[in-house]
Amino acid sequence: MTMFEDRRRMLEDKYILDFERSFKTRRRRDRMLGEWAAASMRKQDVKAYADEVVAIGSRSPLDETLVHKIVSDFRQASQAVDEDLIREKMHQLMYEAAEALEQEKAAS
């Protein structure tokens, strides 16, 4: 291989790793968000709700899809919630999810 082919291959590998890390972080964030929302709404089956949130997050790359779903679910549970609160929680949980994945990586 030439130096340019080696460099291209390294960049492709880095892109794949970055994409995988981003995907895993987002899925973890969505799970944590689902668990938080389910607990806040006092849902009986927290795991099922979290799985539902993760599934929706996997189908749509837009955070707005999750925001609208969770706000709608809060309203159905007769609880008031602000969309900005949901977005803020998503932002906070993204950092927590990234930290958790980094800690797991360092421990292994």
PDB file of N, CA and C in Angstrom:
ATOM      1  N   MET A   1       0.838  -1.186   0.000  1.00  0.00           N
ATOM      2  CA  MET A   1       0.000   0.000   0.000  1.00  0.00           C
ATOM      3  C   MET A   1       0.880   1.245   0.000  1.00  0.00           C
ATOM      4  N   THR A   2       0.356   2.248  -0.622  1.00  0.00           N
ATOM      5  CA  THR A   2       1.074   3.515  -0.613  1.00  0.00           C
ATOM      6  C   THR A   2       0.726   4.287   0.658  1.00  0.00           C
ATOM      7  N   MET A   3       1.460   5.331   0.891  1.00  0.00           N
ATOM      8  CA  MET A   3       1.218   6.158   2.066  1.00  0.00           C
ATOM      9  C   MET A   3      -0.191   6.760   2.026  1.00  0.00           C
ATOM     10  N   PHE A   4      -0.653   7.154   0.849  1.00  0.00           N
ATOM     11  CA  PHE A   4      -1.989   7.740   0.714  1.00  0.00           C
ATOM     12  C   PHE A   4      -3.086   6.710   0.976  1.00  0.00           C
ATOM     13  N   GLU A   5      -2.878   5.491   0.525  1.00  0.00           N
ATOM     14  CA  GLU A   5      -3.857   4.435   0.786  1.00  0.00           C
ATOM     15  C   GLU A   5      -3.914   4.121   2.277  1.00  0.00           C
ATOM     16  N   ASP A   6      -2.746   4.097   2.922  1.00  0.00           N
ATOM     17  CA  ASP A   6      -2.718   3.875   4.369  1.00  0.00           C
ATOM     18  C   ASP A   6      -3.475   4.974   5.105  1.00  0.00           C
ATOM     19  N   ARG A   7      -3.245   6.195   4.706  1.00  0.00           N
ATOM     20  CA  ARG A   7      -3.901   7.344   5.337  1.00  0.00           C
ATOM     21  C   ARG A   7      -5.416   7.286   5.105  1.00  0.00           C
ATOM     22  N   ARG A   8      -5.827   6.970   3.904  1.00  0.00           N
ATOM     23  CA  ARG A   8      -7.253   6.856   3.590  1.00  0.00           C
ATOM     24  C   ARG A   8      -7.893   5.774   4.447  1.00  0.00           C
ATOM     25  N   ARG A   9      -7.218   4.658   4.566  1.00  0.00           N
ATOM     26  CA  ARG A   9      -7.735   3.538   5.364  1.00  0.00           C
ATOM     27  C   ARG A   9      -7.862   3.933   6.840  1.00  0.00           C
ATOM     28  N   MET A  10      -6.878   4.653   7.350  1.00  0.00           N
ATOM     29  CA  MET A  10      -6.926   5.102   8.744  1.00  0.00           C
ATOM     30  C   MET A  10      -8.097   6.061   8.966  1.00  0.00           C
ATOM     31  N   LEU A  11      -8.309   6.956   8.020  1.00  0.00           N
ATOM     32  CA  LEU A  11      -9.428   7.886   8.138  1.00  0.00           C
ATOM     33  C   LEU A  11     -10.772   7.178   8.057  1.00  0.00           C
ATOM     34  N   GLU A  12     -10.874   6.191   7.197  1.00  0.00           N
ATOM     35  CA  GLU A  12     -12.114   5.406   7.102  1.00  0.00           C
ATOM     36  C   GLU A  12     -12.374   4.661   8.411  1.00  0.00           C
ATOM     37  N   ASP A  13     -11.330   4.061   8.964  1.00  0.00           N
ATOM     38  CA  ASP A  13     -11.477   3.341  10.233  1.00  0.00           C
ATOM     39  C   ASP A  13     -11.900   4.290  11.352  1.00  0.00           C
ATOM     40  N   LYS A  14     -11.304   5.469  11.392  1.00  0.00           N
ATOM     41  CA  LYS A  14     -11.660   6.458  12.414  1.00  0.00           C
ATOM     42  C   LYS A  14     -13.116   6.893  12.247  1.00  0.00           C
ATOM     43  N   TYR A  15     -13.538   7.115  11.014  1.00  0.00           N
ATOM     44  CA  TYR A  15     -14.919   7.509  10.757  1.00  0.00           C
ATOM     45  C   TYR A  15     -15.880   6.435  11.269  1.00  0.00           C
ATOM     46  N   ILE A  16     -15.575   5.188  10.993  1.00  0.00           N
ATOM     47  CA  ILE A  16     -16.433   4.085  11.433  1.00  0.00           C
ATOM     48  C   ILE A  16     -16.488   4.022  12.955  1.00  0.00           C
ATOM     49  N   LEU A  17     -15.337   4.142  13.603  1.00  0.00           N
ATOM     50  CA  LEU A  17     -15.312   4.115  15.066  1.00  0.00           C
ATOM     51  C   LEU A  17     -16.084   5.291  15.666  1.00  0.00           C
ATOM     52  N   ASP A  18     -15.914   6.475  15.094  1.00  0.00           N
ATOM     53  CA  ASP A  18     -16.641   7.650  15.580  1.00  0.00           C
ATOM     54  C   ASP A  18     -18.144   7.469  15.404  1.00  0.00           C
ATOM     55  N   PHE A  19     -18.550   6.925  14.270  1.00  0.00           N
ATOM     56  CA  PHE A  19     -19.971   6.690  14.015  1.00  0.00           C
ATOM     57  C   PHE A  19     -20.537   5.676  15.006  1.00  0.00           C
ATOM     58  N   GLU A  20     -19.806   4.591  15.238  1.00  0.00           N
ATOM     59  CA  GLU A  20     -20.258   3.575  16.191  1.00  0.00           C
ATOM     60  C   GLU A  20     -20.371   4.155  17.597  1.00  0.00           C
ATOM     61  N   ARG A  21     -19.387   4.958  17.993  1.00  0.00           N
ATOM     62  CA  ARG A  21     -19.415   5.572  19.322  1.00  0.00           C
ATOM     63  C   ARG A  21     -20.606   6.511  19.434  1.00  0.00           C
ATOM     64  N   SER A  22     -20.855   7.299  18.411  1.00  0.00           N
ATOM     65  CA  SER A  22     -21.984   8.217  18.412  1.00  0.00           C
ATOM     66  C   SER A  22     -23.307   7.457  18.502  1.00  0.00           C
ATOM     67  N   PHE A  23     -23.425   6.372  17.751  1.00  0.00           N
ATOM     68  CA  PHE A  23     -24.641   5.563  17.754  1.00  0.00           C
ATOM     69  C   PHE A  23     -24.877   4.949  19.138  1.00  0.00           C
ATOM     70  N   LYS A  24     -23.821   4.390  19.723  1.00  0.00           N
ATOM     71  CA  LYS A  24     -23.957   3.773  21.050  1.00  0.00           C
ATOM     72  C   LYS A  24     -24.299   4.811  22.110  1.00  0.00           C
ATOM     73  N   THR A  25     -23.681   5.976  22.013  1.00  0.00           N
ATOM     74  CA  THR A  25     -23.954   7.036  22.985  1.00  0.00           C
ATOM     75  C   THR A  25     -25.396   7.493  22.881  1.00  0.00           C
ATOM     76  N   ARG A  26     -25.870   7.664  21.671  1.00  0.00           N
ATOM     77  CA  ARG A  26     -27.256   8.105  21.478  1.00  0.00           C
ATOM     78  C   ARG A  26     -28.245   7.060  21.988  1.00  0.00           C
ATOM     79  N   ARG A  27     -27.988   5.794  21.693  1.00  0.00           N
ATOM     80  CA  ARG A  27     -28.884   4.737  22.187  1.00  0.00           C
ATOM     81  C   ARG A  27     -28.913   4.715  23.706  1.00  0.00           C
ATOM     82  N   ARG A  28     -27.743   4.858  24.313  1.00  0.00           N
ATOM     83  CA  ARG A  28     -27.691   4.870  25.782  1.00  0.00           C
ATOM     84  C   ARG A  28     -28.445   6.090  26.317  1.00  0.00           C
ATOM     85  N   ARG A  29     -28.248   7.241  25.677  1.00  0.00           N
ATOM     86  CA  ARG A  29     -28.965   8.447  26.089  1.00  0.00           C
ATOM     87  C   ARG A  29     -30.472   8.246  25.981  1.00  0.00           C
ATOM     88  N   ASP A  30     -30.914   7.655  24.894  1.00  0.00           N
ATOM     89  CA  ASP A  30     -32.343   7.418  24.701  1.00  0.00           C
ATOM     90  C   ASP A  30     -32.896   6.479  25.760  1.00  0.00           C
ATOM     91  N   ARG A  31     -32.124   5.458  26.124  1.00  0.00           N
ATOM     92  CA  ARG A  31     -32.567   4.534  27.172  1.00  0.00           C
ATOM     93  C   ARG A  31     -32.696   5.280  28.505  1.00  0.00           C
ATOM     94  N   MET A  32     -31.689   6.069  28.834  1.00  0.00           N
ATOM     95  CA  MET A  32     -31.723   6.829  30.085  1.00  0.00           C
ATOM     96  C   MET A  32     -32.879   7.826  30.086  1.00  0.00           C
ATOM     97  N   LEU A  33     -33.131   8.446  28.945  1.00  0.00           N
ATOM     98  CA  LEU A  33     -34.243   9.388  28.812  1.00  0.00           C
ATOM     99  C   LEU A  33     -35.576   8.671  29.011  1.00  0.00           C
ATOM    100  N   GLY A  34     -35.714   7.509  28.396  1.00  0.00           N
ATOM    101  CA  GLY A  34     -36.938   6.724  28.551  1.00  0.00           C
ATOM    102  C   GLY A  34     -37.162   6.300  29.989  1.00  0.00           C
ATOM    103  N   GLU A  35     -36.088   5.898  30.662  1.00  0.00           N
ATOM    104  CA  GLU A  35     -36.204   5.497  32.069  1.00  0.00           C
ATOM    105  C   GLU A  35     -36.609   6.686  32.942  1.00  0.00           C
ATOM    106  N   TRP A  36     -35.981   7.848  32.684  1.00  0.00           N
ATOM    107  CA  TRP A  36     -36.320   9.048  33.443  1.00  0.00           C
ATOM    108  C   TRP A  36     -37.778   9.443  33.213  1.00  0.00           C
ATOM    109  N   ALA A  37     -38.197   9.466  31.944  1.00  0.00           N
ATOM    110  CA  ALA A  37     -39.565   9.866  31.624  1.00  0.00           C
ATOM    111  C   ALA A  37     -40.572   8.889  32.227  1.00  0.00           C
ATOM    112  N   ALA A  38     -40.302   7.603  32.129  1.00  0.00           N
ATOM    113  CA  ALA A  38     -41.219   6.596  32.678  1.00  0.00           C
ATOM    114  C   ALA A  38     -41.354   6.754  34.188  1.00  0.00           C
ATOM    115  N   ALA A  39     -40.233   6.975  34.859  1.00  0.00           N
ATOM    116  CA  ALA A  39     -40.281   7.177  36.308  1.00  0.00           C
ATOM    117  C   ALA A  39     -41.035   8.459  36.650  1.00  0.00           C
ATOM    118  N   SER A  40     -40.815   9.508  35.871  1.00  0.00           N
ATOM    119  CA  SER A  40     -41.495  10.783  36.111  1.00  0.00           C
ATOM    120  C   SER A  40     -43.000  10.663  35.909  1.00  0.00           C
ATOM    121  N   MET A  41     -43.403   9.824  34.951  1.00  0.00           N
ATOM    122  CA  MET A  41     -44.828   9.628  34.685  1.00  0.00           C
ATOM    123  C   MET A  41     -45.413   8.511  35.544  1.00  0.00           C
ATOM    124  N   ARG A  42     -44.571   7.902  36.361  1.00  0.00           N
ATOM    125  CA  ARG A  42     -44.971   6.788  37.238  1.00  0.00           C
ATOM    126  C   ARG A  42     -45.549   5.617  36.443  1.00  0.00           C
ATOM    127  N   LYS A  43     -44.885   5.319  35.334  1.00  0.00           N
ATOM    128  CA  LYS A  43     -45.322   4.181  34.512  1.00  0.00           C
ATOM    129  C   LYS A  43     -44.965   2.881  35.236  1.00  0.00           C
ATOM    130  N   GLN A  44     -45.799   1.874  35.055  1.00  0.00           N
ATOM    131  CA  GLN A  44     -45.583   0.584  35.692  1.00  0.00           C
ATOM    132  C   GLN A  44     -44.377  -0.154  35.106  1.00  0.00           C
ATOM    133  N   ASP A  45     -44.266  -0.144  33.782  1.00  0.00           N
ATOM    134  CA  ASP A  45     -43.208  -0.895  33.111  1.00  0.00           C
ATOM    135  C   ASP A  45     -42.176   0.077  32.521  1.00  0.00           C
ATOM    136  N   VAL A  46     -41.200   0.436  33.344  1.00  0.00           N
ATOM    137  CA  VAL A  46     -40.173   1.389  32.947  1.00  0.00           C
ATOM    138  C   VAL A  46     -39.347   0.845  31.789  1.00  0.00           C
ATOM    139  N   LYS A  47     -38.988  -0.428  31.850  1.00  0.00           N
ATOM    140  CA  LYS A  47     -38.156  -1.032  30.803  1.00  0.00           C
ATOM    141  C   LYS A  47     -38.863  -1.010  29.449  1.00  0.00           C
ATOM    142  N   ALA A  48     -40.142  -1.345  29.425  1.00  0.00           N
ATOM    143  CA  ALA A  48     -40.896  -1.350  28.166  1.00  0.00           C
ATOM    144  C   ALA A  48     -40.961   0.051  27.569  1.00  0.00           C
ATOM    145  N   TYR A  49     -41.171   1.044  28.418  1.00  0.00           N
ATOM    146  CA  TYR A  49     -41.227   2.419  27.907  1.00  0.00           C
ATOM    147  C   TYR A  49     -39.858   2.845  27.386  1.00  0.00           C
ATOM    148  N   ALA A  50     -38.805   2.516  28.124  1.00  0.00           N
ATOM    149  CA  ALA A  50     -37.449   2.857  27.677  1.00  0.00           C
ATOM    150  C   ALA A  50     -37.133   2.168  26.351  1.00  0.00           C
ATOM    151  N   ASP A  51     -37.544   0.912  26.203  1.00  0.00           N
ATOM    152  CA  ASP A  51     -37.342   0.197  24.934  1.00  0.00           C
ATOM    153  C   ASP A  51     -38.069   0.902  23.786  1.00  0.00           C
ATOM    154  N   GLU A  52     -39.268   1.394  24.074  1.00  0.00           N
ATOM    155  CA  GLU A  52     -40.054   2.107  23.061  1.00  0.00           C
ATOM    156  C   GLU A  52     -39.343   3.394  22.635  1.00  0.00           C
ATOM    157  N   VAL A  53     -38.802   4.120  23.603  1.00  0.00           N
ATOM    158  CA  VAL A  53     -38.081   5.363  23.300  1.00  0.00           C
ATOM    159  C   VAL A  53     -36.832   5.058  22.476  1.00  0.00           C
ATOM    160  N   VAL A  54     -36.102   4.019  22.845  1.00  0.00           N
ATOM    161  CA  VAL A  54     -34.902   3.633  22.091  1.00  0.00           C
ATOM    162  C   VAL A  54     -35.278   3.258  20.657  1.00  0.00           C
ATOM    163  N   ALA A  55     -36.353   2.522  20.496  1.00  0.00           N
ATOM    164  CA  ALA A  55     -36.789   2.106  19.153  1.00  0.00           C
ATOM    165  C   ALA A  55     -37.136   3.328  18.300  1.00  0.00           C
ATOM    166  N   ILE A  56     -37.838   4.274  18.875  1.00  0.00           N
ATOM    167  CA  ILE A  56     -38.191   5.483  18.122  1.00  0.00           C
ATOM    168  C   ILE A  56     -36.934   6.270  17.781  1.00  0.00           C
ATOM    169  N   GLY A  57     -36.027   6.380  18.730  1.00  0.00           N
ATOM    170  CA  GLY A  57     -34.770   7.079  18.489  1.00  0.00           C
ATOM    171  C   GLY A  57     -33.931   6.420  17.417  1.00  0.00           C
ATOM    172  N   SER A  58     -34.009   5.102  17.322  1.00  0.00           N
ATOM    173  CA  SER A  58     -33.255   4.369  16.296  1.00  0.00           C
ATOM    174  C   SER A  58     -33.838   4.586  14.903  1.00  0.00           C
ATOM    175  N   ARG A  59     -35.151   4.762  14.840  1.00  0.00           N
ATOM    176  CA  ARG A  59     -35.799   4.964  13.541  1.00  0.00           C
ATOM    177  C   ARG A  59     -35.655   6.375  13.012  1.00  0.00           C
ATOM    178  N   SER A  60     -35.516   7.333  13.918  1.00  0.00           N
ATOM    179  CA  SER A  60     -35.454   8.733  13.491  1.00  0.00           C
ATOM    180  C   SER A  60     -34.206   9.398  14.055  1.00  0.00           C
ATOM    181  N   PRO A  61     -33.391   9.984  13.199  1.00  0.00           N
ATOM    182  CA  PRO A  61     -32.187  10.652  13.697  1.00  0.00           C
ATOM    183  C   PRO A  61     -32.479  12.011  14.340  1.00  0.00           C
ATOM    184  N   LEU A  62     -33.715  12.461  14.264  1.00  0.00           N
ATOM    185  CA  LEU A  62     -34.068  13.777  14.790  1.00  0.00           C
ATOM    186  C   LEU A  62     -34.490  13.682  16.250  1.00  0.00           C
ATOM    187  N   ASP A  63     -33.878  14.487  17.098  1.00  0.00           N
ATOM    188  CA  ASP A  63     -34.259  14.518  18.504  1.00  0.00           C
ATOM    189  C   ASP A  63     -35.693  15.003  18.682  1.00  0.00           C
ATOM    190  N   GLU A  64     -36.162  15.819  17.756  1.00  0.00           N
ATOM    191  CA  GLU A  64     -37.512  16.366  17.867  1.00  0.00           C
ATOM    192  C   GLU A  64     -38.570  15.264  17.894  1.00  0.00           C
ATOM    193  N   THR A  65     -38.312  14.167  17.220  1.00  0.00           N
ATOM    194  CA  THR A  65     -39.255  13.048  17.234  1.00  0.00           C
ATOM    195  C   THR A  65     -39.438  12.534  18.662  1.00  0.00           C
ATOM    196  N   LEU A  66     -38.325  12.393  19.376  1.00  0.00           N
ATOM    197  CA  LEU A  66     -38.398  11.936  20.765  1.00  0.00           C
ATOM    198  C   LEU A  66     -39.052  12.985  21.657  1.00  0.00           C
ATOM    199  N   VAL A  67     -38.696  14.241  21.443  1.00  0.00           N
ATOM    200  CA  VAL A  67     -39.278  15.320  22.255  1.00  0.00           C
ATOM    201  C   VAL A  67     -40.794  15.303  22.129  1.00  0.00           C
ATOM    202  N   HIS A  68     -41.293  15.235  20.904  1.00  0.00           N
ATOM    203  CA  HIS A  68     -42.751  15.245  20.691  1.00  0.00           C
ATOM    204  C   HIS A  68     -43.412  14.003  21.291  1.00  0.00           C
ATOM    205  N   LYS A  69     -42.765  12.857  21.159  1.00  0.00           N
ATOM    206  CA  LYS A  69     -43.333  11.626  21.722  1.00  0.00           C
ATOM    207  C   LYS A  69     -43.432  11.716  23.245  1.00  0.00           C
ATOM    208  N   ILE A  70     -42.356  12.174  23.877  1.00  0.00           N
ATOM    209  CA  ILE A  70     -42.334  12.224  25.339  1.00  0.00           C
ATOM    210  C   ILE A  70     -43.289  13.292  25.863  1.00  0.00           C
ATOM    211  N   VAL A  71     -43.322  14.443  25.224  1.00  0.00           N
ATOM    212  CA  VAL A  71     -44.267  15.495  25.636  1.00  0.00           C
ATOM    213  C   VAL A  71     -45.694  14.980  25.503  1.00  0.00           C
ATOM    214  N   SER A  72     -45.980  14.303  24.408  1.00  0.00           N
ATOM    215  CA  SER A  72     -47.314  13.740  24.200  1.00  0.00           C
ATOM    216  C   SER A  72     -47.661  12.720  25.292  1.00  0.00           C
ATOM    217  N   ASP A  73     -46.701  11.886  25.634  1.00  0.00           N
ATOM    218  CA  ASP A  73     -46.942  10.880  26.680  1.00  0.00           C
ATOM    219  C   ASP A  73     -47.160  11.536  28.049  1.00  0.00           C
ATOM    220  N   PHE A  74     -46.416  12.586  28.344  1.00  0.00           N
ATOM    221  CA  PHE A  74     -46.636  13.309  29.597  1.00  0.00           C
ATOM    222  C   PHE A  74     -48.047  13.885  29.619  1.00  0.00           C
ATOM    223  N   ARG A  75     -48.476  14.446  28.506  1.00  0.00           N
ATOM    224  CA  ARG A  75     -49.823  15.030  28.441  1.00  0.00           C
ATOM    225  C   ARG A  75     -50.894  13.959  28.615  1.00  0.00           C
ATOM    226  N   GLN A  76     -50.671  12.788  28.008  1.00  0.00           N
ATOM    227  CA  GLN A  76     -51.626  11.685  28.170  1.00  0.00           C
ATOM    228  C   GLN A  76     -51.677  11.214  29.622  1.00  0.00           C
ATOM    229  N   ALA A  77     -50.559  11.383  30.325  1.00  0.00           N
ATOM    230  CA  ALA A  77     -50.515  11.011  31.743  1.00  0.00           C
ATOM    231  C   ALA A  77     -51.002  12.155  32.628  1.00  0.00           C
ATOM    232  N   SER A  78     -51.564  13.195  31.998  1.00  0.00           N
ATOM    233  CA  SER A  78     -52.091  14.370  32.699  1.00  0.00           C
ATOM    234  C   SER A  78     -51.023  15.089  33.517  1.00  0.00           C
ATOM    235  N   GLN A  79     -49.826  15.149  32.934  1.00  0.00           N
ATOM    236  CA  GLN A  79     -48.736  15.875  33.587  1.00  0.00           C
ATOM    237  C   GLN A  79     -48.207  16.927  32.623  1.00  0.00           C
ATOM    238  N   ALA A  80     -48.004  18.112  33.161  1.00  0.00           N
ATOM    239  CA  ALA A  80     -47.469  19.199  32.347  1.00  0.00           C
ATOM    240  C   ALA A  80     -45.951  19.068  32.271  1.00  0.00           C
ATOM    241  N   VAL A  81     -45.430  19.260  31.084  1.00  0.00           N
ATOM    242  CA  VAL A  81     -43.983  19.237  30.904  1.00  0.00           C
ATOM    243  C   VAL A  81     -43.636  20.210  29.788  1.00  0.00           C
ATOM    244  N   ASP A  82     -42.524  20.861  29.932  1.00  0.00           N
ATOM    245  CA  ASP A  82     -42.063  21.839  28.964  1.00  0.00           C
ATOM    246  C   ASP A  82     -41.104  21.153  27.988  1.00  0.00           C
ATOM    247  N   GLU A  83     -41.254  21.449  26.705  1.00  0.00           N
ATOM    248  CA  GLU A  83     -40.356  20.859  25.705  1.00  0.00           C
ATOM    249  C   GLU A  83     -38.899  21.208  25.991  1.00  0.00           C
ATOM    250  N   ASP A  84     -38.672  22.417  26.494  1.00  0.00           N
ATOM    251  CA  ASP A  84     -37.294  22.817  26.803  1.00  0.00           C
ATOM    252  C   ASP A  84     -36.694  21.950  27.911  1.00  0.00           C
ATOM    253  N   LEU A  85     -37.522  21.537  28.861  1.00  0.00           N
ATOM    254  CA  LEU A  85     -37.041  20.648  29.918  1.00  0.00           C
ATOM    255  C   LEU A  85     -36.604  19.309  29.329  1.00  0.00           C
ATOM    256  N   ILE A  86     -37.382  18.794  28.400  1.00  0.00           N
ATOM    257  CA  ILE A  86     -37.030  17.525  27.750  1.00  0.00           C
ATOM    258  C   ILE A  86     -35.724  17.677  26.975  1.00  0.00           C
ATOM    259  N   ARG A  87     -35.585  18.757  26.236  1.00  0.00           N
ATOM    260  CA  ARG A  87     -34.341  18.977  25.472  1.00  0.00           C
ATOM    261  C   ARG A  87     -33.138  19.128  26.394  1.00  0.00           C
ATOM    262  N   GLU A  88     -33.331  19.837  27.490  1.00  0.00           N
ATOM    263  CA  GLU A  88     -32.248  20.011  28.468  1.00  0.00           C
ATOM    264  C   GLU A  88     -31.856  18.654  29.066  1.00  0.00           C
ATOM    265  N   LYS A  89     -32.842  17.850  29.378  1.00  0.00           N
ATOM    266  CA  LYS A  89     -32.574  16.515  29.935  1.00  0.00           C
ATOM    267  C   LYS A  89     -31.841  15.655  28.909  1.00  0.00           C
ATOM    268  N   MET A  90     -32.236  15.744  27.652  1.00  0.00           N
ATOM    269  CA  MET A  90     -31.563  14.993  26.587  1.00  0.00           C
ATOM    270  C   MET A  90     -30.097  15.404  26.490  1.00  0.00           C
ATOM    271  N   HIS A  91     -29.857  16.692  26.581  1.00  0.00           N
ATOM    272  CA  HIS A  91     -28.495  17.218  26.503  1.00  0.00           C
ATOM    273  C   HIS A  91     -27.659  16.700  27.678  1.00  0.00           C
ATOM    274  N   GLN A  92     -28.217  16.787  28.860  1.00  0.00           N
ATOM    275  CA  GLN A  92     -27.532  16.307  30.067  1.00  0.00           C
ATOM    276  C   GLN A  92     -27.240  14.814  29.970  1.00  0.00           C
ATOM    277  N   LEU A  93     -28.225  14.047  29.539  1.00  0.00           N
ATOM    278  CA  LEU A  93     -28.059  12.597  29.466  1.00  0.00           C
ATOM    279  C   LEU A  93     -27.087  12.180  28.365  1.00  0.00           C
ATOM    280  N   MET A  94     -26.945  12.990  27.327  1.00  0.00           N
ATOM    281  CA  MET A  94     -25.971  12.680  26.281  1.00  0.00           C
ATOM    282  C   MET A  94     -24.564  12.680  26.876  1.00  0.00           C
ATOM    283  N   TYR A  95     -24.264  13.679  27.708  1.00  0.00           N
ATOM    284  CA  TYR A  95     -22.963  13.719  28.372  1.00  0.00           C
ATOM    285  C   TYR A  95     -22.786  12.542  29.324  1.00  0.00           C
ATOM    286  N   GLU A  96     -23.825  12.237  30.084  1.00  0.00           N
ATOM    287  CA  GLU A  96     -23.742  11.118  31.016  1.00  0.00           C
ATOM    288  C   GLU A  96     -23.537   9.801  30.272  1.00  0.00           C
ATOM    289  N   ALA A  97     -24.215   9.635  29.161  1.00  0.00           N
ATOM    290  CA  ALA A  97     -24.075   8.407  28.364  1.00  0.00           C
ATOM    291  C   ALA A  97     -22.665   8.302  27.796  1.00  0.00           C
ATOM    292  N   ALA A  98     -22.129   9.400  27.300  1.00  0.00           N
ATOM    293  CA  ALA A  98     -20.770   9.389  26.744  1.00  0.00           C
ATOM    294  C   ALA A  98     -19.755   9.070  27.835  1.00  0.00           C
ATOM    295  N   GLU A  99     -19.932   9.648  29.005  1.00  0.00           N
ATOM    296  CA  GLU A  99     -19.028   9.368  30.127  1.00  0.00           C
ATOM    297  C   GLU A  99     -19.084   7.896  30.520  1.00  0.00           C
ATOM    298  N   ALA A 100     -20.282   7.354  30.602  1.00  0.00           N
ATOM    299  CA  ALA A 100     -20.445   5.956  30.987  1.00  0.00           C
ATOM    300  C   ALA A 100     -19.763   5.027  29.981  1.00  0.00           C
ATOM    301  N   LEU A 101     -19.918   5.315  28.703  1.00  0.00           N
ATOM    302  CA  LEU A 101     -19.277   4.480  27.685  1.00  0.00           C
ATOM    303  C   LEU A 101     -17.752   4.590  27.760  1.00  0.00           C
ATOM    304  N   GLU A 102     -17.242   5.781  28.021  1.00  0.00           N
ATOM    305  CA  GLU A 102     -15.791   5.968  28.165  1.00  0.00           C
ATOM    306  C   GLU A 102     -15.273   5.210  29.377  1.00  0.00           C
ATOM    307  N   GLN A 103     -16.007   5.235  30.474  1.00  0.00           N
ATOM    308  CA  GLN A 103     -15.602   4.502  31.667  1.00  0.00           C
ATOM    309  C   GLN A 103     -15.597   3.000  31.429  1.00  0.00           C
ATOM    310  N   GLU A 104     -16.612   2.514  30.713  1.00  0.00           N
ATOM    311  CA  GLU A 104     -16.663   1.094  30.386  1.00  0.00           C
ATOM    312  C   GLU A 104     -15.491   0.710  29.496  1.00  0.00           C
ATOM    313  N   LYS A 105     -15.168   1.578  28.554  1.00  0.00           N
ATOM    314  CA  LYS A 105     -14.050   1.318  27.638  1.00  0.00           C
ATOM    315  C   LYS A 105     -12.738   1.274  28.409  1.00  0.00           C
ATOM    316  N   ALA A 106     -12.564   2.210  29.358  1.00  0.00           N
ATOM    317  CA  ALA A 106     -11.325   2.255  30.142  1.00  0.00           C
ATOM    318  C   ALA A 106     -11.208   1.049  31.071  1.00  0.00           C
ATOM    319  N   ALA A 107     -12.345   0.545  31.560  1.00  0.00           N
ATOM    320  CA  ALA A 107     -12.328  -0.593  32.468  1.00  0.00           C
ATOM    321  C   ALA A 107     -12.035  -1.907  31.759  1.00  0.00           C
ATOM    322  N   SER A 108     -12.273  -1.950  30.463  1.00  0.00           N
ATOM    323  CA  SER A 108     -12.072  -3.225  29.750  1.00  0.00           C
ATOM    324  C   SER A 108     -10.693  -3.345  29.165  1.00  0.00           C
TER     325      SER A 108
END
